[in-house]
């Protein structure tokens, strides 16, 4: 009679099956490999010189690093990648973990992209005022949006969802400043200075960058000191944000109304905003940010977002001061995201008039400064 193997017993141990620890390690290795492969598929973003003849004749050159060309369309793509790698390597994210973030939109869009890359569920908690285009992008990447009435509510709601699902709250506002290697290793500061190497003034007099989490300003500010550059860091801050008052006072308990310029400014002092690396803060009126956004969009022949307008106001303010003192040099900032995300809001004249007021006088001033 032929030999027949006994049927597998349901409780019999398979010596070839991986242990739970080995399976978790294999998943972690694959997750990091997927993020690194995605990075290798992405080229660096462009550095755009602004065609401003009057300033150029005075020896002052302005540049924008175009972060809108990332796969998810904004500067926050870099942050999301860093936050995921930081959480993975800390052992906070596992197979099946629900990823939760408190975000005004762009970070959530980018995190939804990376969550889908790893096959993880994603929930974004954001204010109801967030642009519908950003909400649609999060949904496109498979994420779910939880809307709250004010920006101050996002933190507790995000933590509550993470607790209820057994997931992980990414908490960009705490971890943005530490998730990126500020010494170099392909961070945004290193990229900016490498691209400036062959320009007329390769080491900028100023770098101008707005702050939402504060992670980008912390990375750039630390990099400037580490590389011993004479460059100074300026953060233009929208009205309603507490960062400017915190920079002056050092009082971490400050609270504010919050910013009406999406993506930058906060109603509270965030842990990732490192006051000591910022050389100067500039308060920028909302109408000035929108006016600069409009004028820059016309100059470039493409729409930009409102936080890029805030950056431009800071650049023009510093350029005017340099010109008055007879100084020469370059000023470098970021084109944070594309304006198509804001067509029904900041790029809609009726919406701006109703929400922020008349921008015509501010626009005339910005146009004069550019020309």
Protein backbone atom coordinates (compact mmCIF):
# COMPACT_ATOMS: atom_id res chain seq x y z
CA UNK A 1 0.00 0.00 0.00
CA UNK A 2 1.36 3.46 -0.89
CA UNK A 3 2.35 5.62 2.02
CA UNK A 4 -0.03 8.50 2.71
CA UNK A 5 1.07 11.51 4.73
CA UNK A 6 -1.22 12.32 7.64
CA UNK A 7 -3.32 15.46 7.18
CA UNK A 8 -1.92 18.65 8.70
CA UNK A 9 -3.10 19.12 12.23
CA UNK A 10 -4.58 22.61 12.74
CA UNK A 11 -2.43 23.21 15.83
CA UNK A 12 0.76 21.72 14.43
CA UNK A 13 3.67 24.22 14.47
CA UNK A 14 5.17 24.96 11.06
CA UNK A 15 8.88 25.34 11.67
CA UNK A 16 9.24 27.28 8.39
CA UNK A 17 6.70 29.94 9.28
CA UNK A 18 8.25 33.27 10.28
CA UNK A 19 7.91 34.39 13.86
CA UNK A 20 5.80 37.50 14.51
CA UNK A 21 9.01 39.40 15.21
CA UNK A 22 10.55 38.31 11.91
CA UNK A 23 7.37 39.18 10.01
CA UNK A 24 7.31 42.64 11.58
CA UNK A 25 10.97 43.19 10.70
CA UNK A 26 10.34 42.07 7.12
CA UNK A 27 7.42 44.49 6.79
CA UNK A 28 9.51 47.35 8.21
CA UNK A 29 12.34 46.63 5.79
CA UNK A 30 9.93 46.58 2.86
CA UNK A 31 8.22 49.79 3.98
CA UNK A 32 11.50 51.71 4.21
CA UNK A 33 12.62 50.29 0.85
CA UNK A 34 9.40 51.51 -0.80
CA UNK A 35 9.87 55.04 0.53
CA UNK A 36 13.53 55.10 -0.51
CA UNK A 37 12.64 53.81 -3.98
CA UNK A 38 10.00 56.53 -4.31
CA UNK A 39 12.63 59.12 -3.39
CA UNK A 40 15.03 57.81 -6.02
CA UNK A 41 12.30 58.10 -8.66
CA UNK A 42 11.87 61.81 -7.88
CA UNK A 43 14.16 64.48 -9.31
CA UNK A 44 15.15 67.56 -7.31
CA UNK A 45 12.97 70.65 -7.60
CA UNK A 46 13.92 73.63 -9.75
CA UNK A 47 15.47 76.91 -8.65
CA UNK A 48 13.75 79.82 -10.40
CA UNK A 49 15.39 83.27 -10.76
CA UNK A 50 12.83 86.08 -10.63
CA UNK A 51 13.13 88.47 -13.60
CA UNK A 52 13.31 91.79 -11.73
CA UNK A 53 15.60 94.11 -13.74
CA UNK A 54 15.59 97.06 -11.32
CA UNK A 55 16.79 94.92 -8.43
CA UNK A 56 19.23 93.03 -10.65
CA UNK A 57 20.80 96.33 -11.74
CA UNK A 58 21.26 97.16 -8.05
CA UNK A 59 23.09 93.85 -7.56
CA UNK A 60 20.20 92.07 -5.81
CA UNK A 61 18.94 88.73 -7.15
CA UNK A 62 15.80 86.90 -6.00
CA UNK A 63 15.21 83.16 -6.33
CA UNK A 64 12.39 80.73 -5.56
CA UNK A 65 12.90 77.00 -5.12
CA UNK A 66 9.84 75.46 -6.77
CA UNK A 67 8.50 72.86 -4.34
CA UNK A 68 5.22 72.53 -6.26
CA UNK A 69 6.81 69.95 -8.57
CA UNK A 70 6.95 67.19 -5.95
CA UNK A 71 4.64 64.19 -6.65
CA UNK A 72 2.10 65.56 -4.17
CA UNK A 73 2.50 69.15 -5.29
CA UNK A 74 4.03 70.94 -2.31
CA UNK A 75 6.94 71.47 0.04
CA UNK A 76 5.23 69.12 2.52
CA UNK A 77 6.19 66.09 0.42
CA UNK A 78 9.67 66.30 1.95
CA UNK A 79 8.23 66.56 5.46
CA UNK A 80 5.84 63.65 5.00
CA UNK A 81 8.66 61.40 3.78
CA UNK A 82 10.81 62.34 6.77
CA UNK A 83 7.94 61.85 9.25
CA UNK A 84 7.18 58.38 7.89
CA UNK A 85 10.81 57.28 8.04
CA UNK A 86 11.15 58.73 11.54
CA UNK A 87 8.03 56.92 12.77
CA UNK A 88 9.02 53.64 11.11
CA UNK A 89 12.53 53.66 12.50
CA UNK A 90 11.23 54.52 15.97
CA UNK A 91 8.94 51.50 15.86
CA UNK A 92 5.76 53.58 16.02
CA UNK A 93 4.21 52.38 12.75
CA UNK A 94 3.51 48.74 11.92
CA UNK A 95 1.66 46.74 9.29
CA UNK A 96 -1.97 47.82 9.43
CA UNK A 97 -1.38 50.94 11.55
CA UNK A 98 -3.88 53.73 10.98
CA UNK A 99 -1.94 56.95 10.30
CA UNK A 100 -3.55 60.12 11.68
CA UNK A 101 -2.46 63.71 11.16
CA UNK A 102 -3.59 67.19 12.18
CA UNK A 103 -3.11 69.29 9.08
CA UNK A 104 -4.34 72.32 7.17
CA UNK A 105 -4.12 70.25 4.01
CA UNK A 106 -0.76 69.98 2.24
CA UNK A 107 0.95 67.77 4.83
CA UNK A 108 -2.13 65.54 4.89
CA UNK A 109 -2.10 65.26 1.10
CA UNK A 110 1.53 64.13 1.17
CA UNK A 111 1.04 61.77 4.12
CA UNK A 112 -1.97 60.20 2.39
CA UNK A 113 0.32 59.51 -0.58
CA UNK A 114 2.90 57.72 1.58
CA UNK A 115 0.23 55.87 3.56
CA UNK A 116 -1.15 54.49 0.29
CA UNK A 117 2.38 53.58 -0.79
CA UNK A 118 2.65 51.40 2.33
CA UNK A 119 -0.93 50.12 2.22
CA UNK A 120 -1.93 51.87 5.47
CA UNK A 121 -5.23 53.63 6.28
CA UNK A 122 -4.99 57.38 6.72
CA UNK A 123 -7.15 59.98 8.50
CA UNK A 124 -6.60 63.75 8.22
CA UNK A 125 -8.04 66.11 10.83
CA UNK A 126 -8.37 69.65 9.52
CA UNK A 127 -10.38 72.84 9.84
CA UNK A 128 -13.54 73.15 7.74
CA UNK A 129 -12.00 76.15 6.00
CA UNK A 130 -9.44 73.92 4.24
CA UNK A 131 -9.70 74.22 0.46
CA UNK A 132 -11.95 71.58 -1.20
CA UNK A 133 -9.15 70.81 -3.65
CA UNK A 134 -6.87 69.60 -0.84
CA UNK A 135 -9.67 67.50 0.64
CA UNK A 136 -10.25 65.96 -2.80
CA UNK A 137 -6.55 65.14 -3.14
CA UNK A 138 -6.49 63.39 0.25
CA UNK A 139 -9.52 61.36 -0.77
CA UNK A 140 -7.86 60.55 -4.11
CA UNK A 141 -4.95 58.96 -2.25
CA UNK A 142 -7.36 56.87 -0.19
CA UNK A 143 -7.43 59.02 2.94
CA UNK A 144 -10.40 60.07 5.04
CA UNK A 145 -10.96 63.68 6.17
CA UNK A 146 -12.29 64.58 9.62
CA UNK A 147 -13.33 68.25 9.69
CA UNK A 148 -13.42 70.42 12.82
CA UNK A 149 -14.63 73.98 13.32
CA UNK A 150 -11.32 75.65 14.24
CA UNK A 151 -7.61 75.01 13.82
CA UNK A 152 -7.22 74.79 17.61
CA UNK A 153 -9.35 71.61 17.69
CA UNK A 154 -7.22 69.50 15.36
CA UNK A 155 -4.66 68.29 17.90
CA UNK A 156 -6.97 66.62 20.42
CA UNK A 157 -9.22 65.14 17.72
CA UNK A 158 -6.26 63.60 15.89
CA UNK A 159 -4.92 62.03 19.09
CA UNK A 160 -8.39 60.70 19.96
CA UNK A 161 -8.74 59.01 16.56
CA UNK A 162 -5.27 57.46 16.87
CA UNK A 163 -6.14 56.16 20.36
CA UNK A 164 -9.48 54.73 19.19
CA UNK A 165 -7.97 52.92 16.21
CA UNK A 166 -4.76 51.80 17.88
CA UNK A 167 -2.96 53.80 15.20
CA UNK A 168 -0.26 56.45 15.19
CA UNK A 169 -0.70 60.24 15.35
CA UNK A 170 2.14 61.61 13.21
CA UNK A 171 2.01 65.02 14.96
CA UNK A 172 3.91 67.11 12.44
CA UNK A 173 3.82 70.09 14.80
CA UNK A 174 6.01 68.26 17.31
CA UNK A 175 8.25 66.11 15.14
CA UNK A 176 8.87 68.22 12.01
CA UNK A 177 12.02 69.84 13.41
CA UNK A 178 13.63 66.55 14.43
CA UNK A 179 12.55 64.15 11.66
CA UNK A 180 14.83 65.79 9.06
CA UNK A 181 18.62 65.58 9.21
CA UNK A 182 19.54 69.28 9.27
CA UNK A 183 23.26 68.60 8.74
CA UNK A 184 22.68 67.66 5.11
CA UNK A 185 21.76 64.25 3.65
CA UNK A 186 19.70 65.72 0.77
CA UNK A 187 17.59 68.05 2.91
CA UNK A 188 16.05 71.17 1.41
CA UNK A 189 18.75 73.51 2.73
CA UNK A 190 21.57 71.49 1.20
CA UNK A 191 19.69 71.37 -2.11
CA UNK A 192 19.14 75.14 -2.11
CA UNK A 193 22.80 75.94 -1.54
CA UNK A 194 23.99 73.37 -4.09
CA UNK A 195 21.76 74.92 -6.74
CA UNK A 196 22.99 78.41 -5.88
CA UNK A 197 26.65 77.44 -6.35
CA UNK A 198 27.06 79.01 -9.82
CA UNK A 199 24.91 82.11 -9.34
CA UNK A 200 26.25 85.68 -9.10
CA UNK A 201 25.85 85.66 -5.31
CA UNK A 202 26.08 81.94 -4.44
CA UNK A 203 25.74 82.38 -0.66
CA UNK A 204 22.45 84.21 -0.08
CA UNK A 205 22.23 87.26 2.14
CA UNK A 206 18.84 86.03 3.31
CA UNK A 207 16.73 82.88 3.18
CA UNK A 208 13.03 83.64 3.58
CA UNK A 209 10.61 80.90 4.63
CA UNK A 210 7.21 80.93 6.31
CA UNK A 211 6.44 78.69 9.26
CA UNK A 212 3.54 76.30 9.78
CA UNK A 213 5.12 73.57 11.84
CA UNK A 214 8.45 75.40 11.93
CA UNK A 215 10.25 72.32 10.68
CA UNK A 216 11.59 73.90 7.48
CA UNK A 217 12.83 77.04 9.22
CA UNK A 218 14.50 74.86 11.89
CA UNK A 219 16.23 72.72 9.26
CA UNK A 220 17.45 75.73 7.28
CA UNK A 221 18.49 77.73 10.34
CA UNK A 222 20.53 74.86 11.78
CA UNK A 223 22.10 74.12 8.39
CA UNK A 224 23.22 77.77 8.04
CA UNK A 225 24.99 77.61 11.38
CA UNK A 226 26.47 74.17 10.80
CA UNK A 227 27.91 75.24 7.45
CA UNK A 228 29.06 78.57 8.96
CA UNK A 229 27.30 80.64 6.29
CA UNK A 230 26.79 84.36 6.81
CA UNK A 231 23.22 83.94 5.51
CA UNK A 232 20.42 85.08 7.82
CA UNK A 233 16.99 83.49 8.15
CA UNK A 234 13.78 85.54 7.95
CA UNK A 235 10.31 84.14 8.72
CA UNK A 236 7.41 86.22 7.35
CA UNK A 237 4.42 85.51 9.57
CA UNK A 238 0.77 86.21 8.74
CA UNK A 239 -1.43 88.33 10.98
CA UNK A 240 -3.11 86.23 13.69
CA UNK A 241 -0.21 83.81 14.09
CA UNK A 242 1.58 83.67 17.45
CA UNK A 243 5.04 82.93 16.09
CA UNK A 244 6.06 86.59 15.78
CA UNK A 245 5.01 87.43 19.33
CA UNK A 246 6.71 84.27 20.61
CA UNK A 247 9.92 85.20 18.79
CA UNK A 248 9.93 88.55 20.57
CA UNK A 249 8.91 87.35 24.04
CA UNK A 250 9.91 83.69 24.36
CA UNK A 251 6.52 82.99 25.98
CA UNK A 252 5.46 79.49 24.87
CA UNK A 253 2.01 79.86 26.45
CA UNK A 254 0.87 82.48 23.92
CA UNK A 255 -2.37 81.85 22.05
CA UNK A 256 -3.73 83.64 19.01
CA UNK A 257 -6.63 83.70 16.59
CA UNK A 258 -4.67 81.72 14.02
CA UNK A 259 -3.72 82.55 10.45
CA UNK A 260 -6.04 83.02 7.49
CA UNK A 261 -3.21 82.20 5.08
CA UNK A 262 -3.51 78.46 4.61
CA UNK A 263 -0.46 76.41 5.53
CA UNK A 264 1.49 78.93 7.61
CA UNK A 265 1.05 80.63 10.97
CA UNK A 266 -0.51 78.95 14.02
CA UNK A 267 -2.86 79.80 16.90
CA UNK A 268 -0.39 78.36 19.42
CA UNK A 269 3.39 77.97 19.70
CA UNK A 270 4.27 74.65 18.10
CA UNK A 271 7.05 72.47 19.47
CA UNK A 272 8.78 72.36 16.08
CA UNK A 273 9.17 76.13 15.83
CA UNK A 274 12.73 76.81 17.01
CA UNK A 275 12.85 80.49 17.89
CA UNK A 276 16.61 80.69 18.39
CA UNK A 277 17.52 79.86 14.76
CA UNK A 278 15.35 82.65 13.29
CA UNK A 279 17.16 85.96 12.82
CA UNK A 280 14.13 88.06 11.94
CA UNK A 281 10.33 87.86 11.89
CA UNK A 282 8.12 90.02 9.65
CA UNK A 283 4.37 90.37 10.21
CA UNK A 284 2.54 90.27 6.87
CA UNK A 285 -1.04 91.46 6.34
CA UNK A 286 -3.38 88.99 4.66
CA UNK A 287 -4.16 91.39 1.81
CA UNK A 288 -0.43 91.77 1.15
CA UNK A 289 0.00 87.98 0.93
CA UNK A 290 -2.85 87.67 -1.56
CA UNK A 291 -1.69 90.69 -3.56
CA UNK A 292 1.83 89.27 -3.80
CA UNK A 293 0.40 85.88 -4.79
CA UNK A 294 -1.50 87.53 -7.65
CA UNK A 295 1.44 89.59 -8.88
CA UNK A 296 3.86 86.69 -8.70
CA UNK A 297 1.39 84.48 -10.58
CA UNK A 298 1.29 87.11 -13.35
CA UNK A 299 5.09 87.43 -13.37
CA UNK A 300 5.66 83.67 -13.66
CA UNK A 301 2.74 82.96 -15.97
CA UNK A 302 1.39 80.31 -13.56
CA UNK A 303 -0.61 80.38 -10.36
CA UNK A 304 1.06 80.08 -6.96
CA UNK A 305 -0.45 79.66 -3.49
CA UNK A 306 -0.96 82.33 -0.79
CA UNK A 307 1.93 81.24 1.45
CA UNK A 308 4.27 81.84 -1.49
CA UNK A 309 2.80 85.34 -1.62
CA UNK A 310 3.72 85.79 2.04
CA UNK A 311 7.28 84.70 1.23
CA UNK A 312 7.47 87.21 -1.63
CA UNK A 313 6.40 90.07 0.66
CA UNK A 314 9.28 89.14 2.96
CA UNK A 315 11.74 89.00 0.05
CA UNK A 316 10.68 92.40 -1.32
CA UNK A 317 10.87 94.01 2.12
CA UNK A 318 14.44 92.76 2.61
CA UNK A 319 15.42 93.68 -0.96
CA UNK A 320 14.18 97.25 -0.46
CA UNK A 321 16.23 97.55 2.73
CA UNK A 322 19.34 96.17 1.02
CA UNK A 323 18.91 98.55 -1.90
CA UNK A 324 18.50 101.53 0.44
CA UNK A 325 21.77 100.59 2.18
CA UNK A 326 23.58 99.98 -1.09
CA UNK A 327 24.06 96.29 -0.33
CA UNK A 328 24.30 93.58 -2.96
CA UNK A 329 23.48 89.89 -2.64
CA UNK A 330 20.85 87.25 -3.21
CA UNK A 331 17.60 86.41 -1.44
CA UNK A 332 16.30 82.86 -1.61
CA UNK A 333 12.85 81.55 -0.77
CA UNK A 334 10.33 78.83 -1.61
CA UNK A 335 7.46 78.46 -4.03
CA UNK A 336 5.50 76.32 -1.59
CA UNK A 337 2.69 74.94 -3.75
CA UNK A 338 0.70 75.54 -6.92
CA UNK A 339 -2.22 77.95 -6.98
CA UNK A 340 -4.65 75.52 -8.58
CA UNK A 341 -5.42 74.23 -5.08
CA UNK A 342 -6.86 77.66 -4.26
CA UNK A 343 -8.94 78.52 -7.32
CA UNK A 344 -12.26 78.75 -5.40
CA UNK A 345 -10.67 80.67 -2.51
CA UNK A 346 -7.54 82.84 -2.65
CA UNK A 347 -7.65 83.06 -6.45
CA UNK A 348 -11.34 83.99 -6.46
CA UNK A 349 -11.80 87.77 -6.22
CA UNK A 350 -15.27 87.57 -4.65
CA UNK A 351 -14.09 85.11 -1.99
CA UNK A 352 -11.08 87.28 -1.13
CA UNK A 353 -13.23 90.42 -0.92
CA UNK A 354 -15.67 88.70 1.44
CA UNK A 355 -13.10 86.93 3.60
CA UNK A 356 -10.05 89.22 3.64
CA UNK A 357 -11.09 92.58 2.20
CA UNK A 358 -9.99 94.79 -0.66
CA UNK A 359 -6.52 93.93 -1.99
CA UNK A 360 -6.30 96.57 -4.73
CA UNK A 361 -4.11 99.04 -2.82
CA UNK A 362 -1.81 96.27 -1.62
CA UNK A 363 -1.58 94.90 -5.14
CA UNK A 364 -0.55 98.31 -6.49
CA UNK A 365 2.22 98.50 -3.87
CA UNK A 366 3.49 94.99 -4.67
CA UNK A 367 3.39 95.71 -8.40
CA UNK A 368 5.44 98.88 -7.85
CA UNK A 369 7.95 96.96 -5.72
CA UNK A 370 8.36 94.33 -8.44
CA UNK A 371 8.75 96.83 -11.25
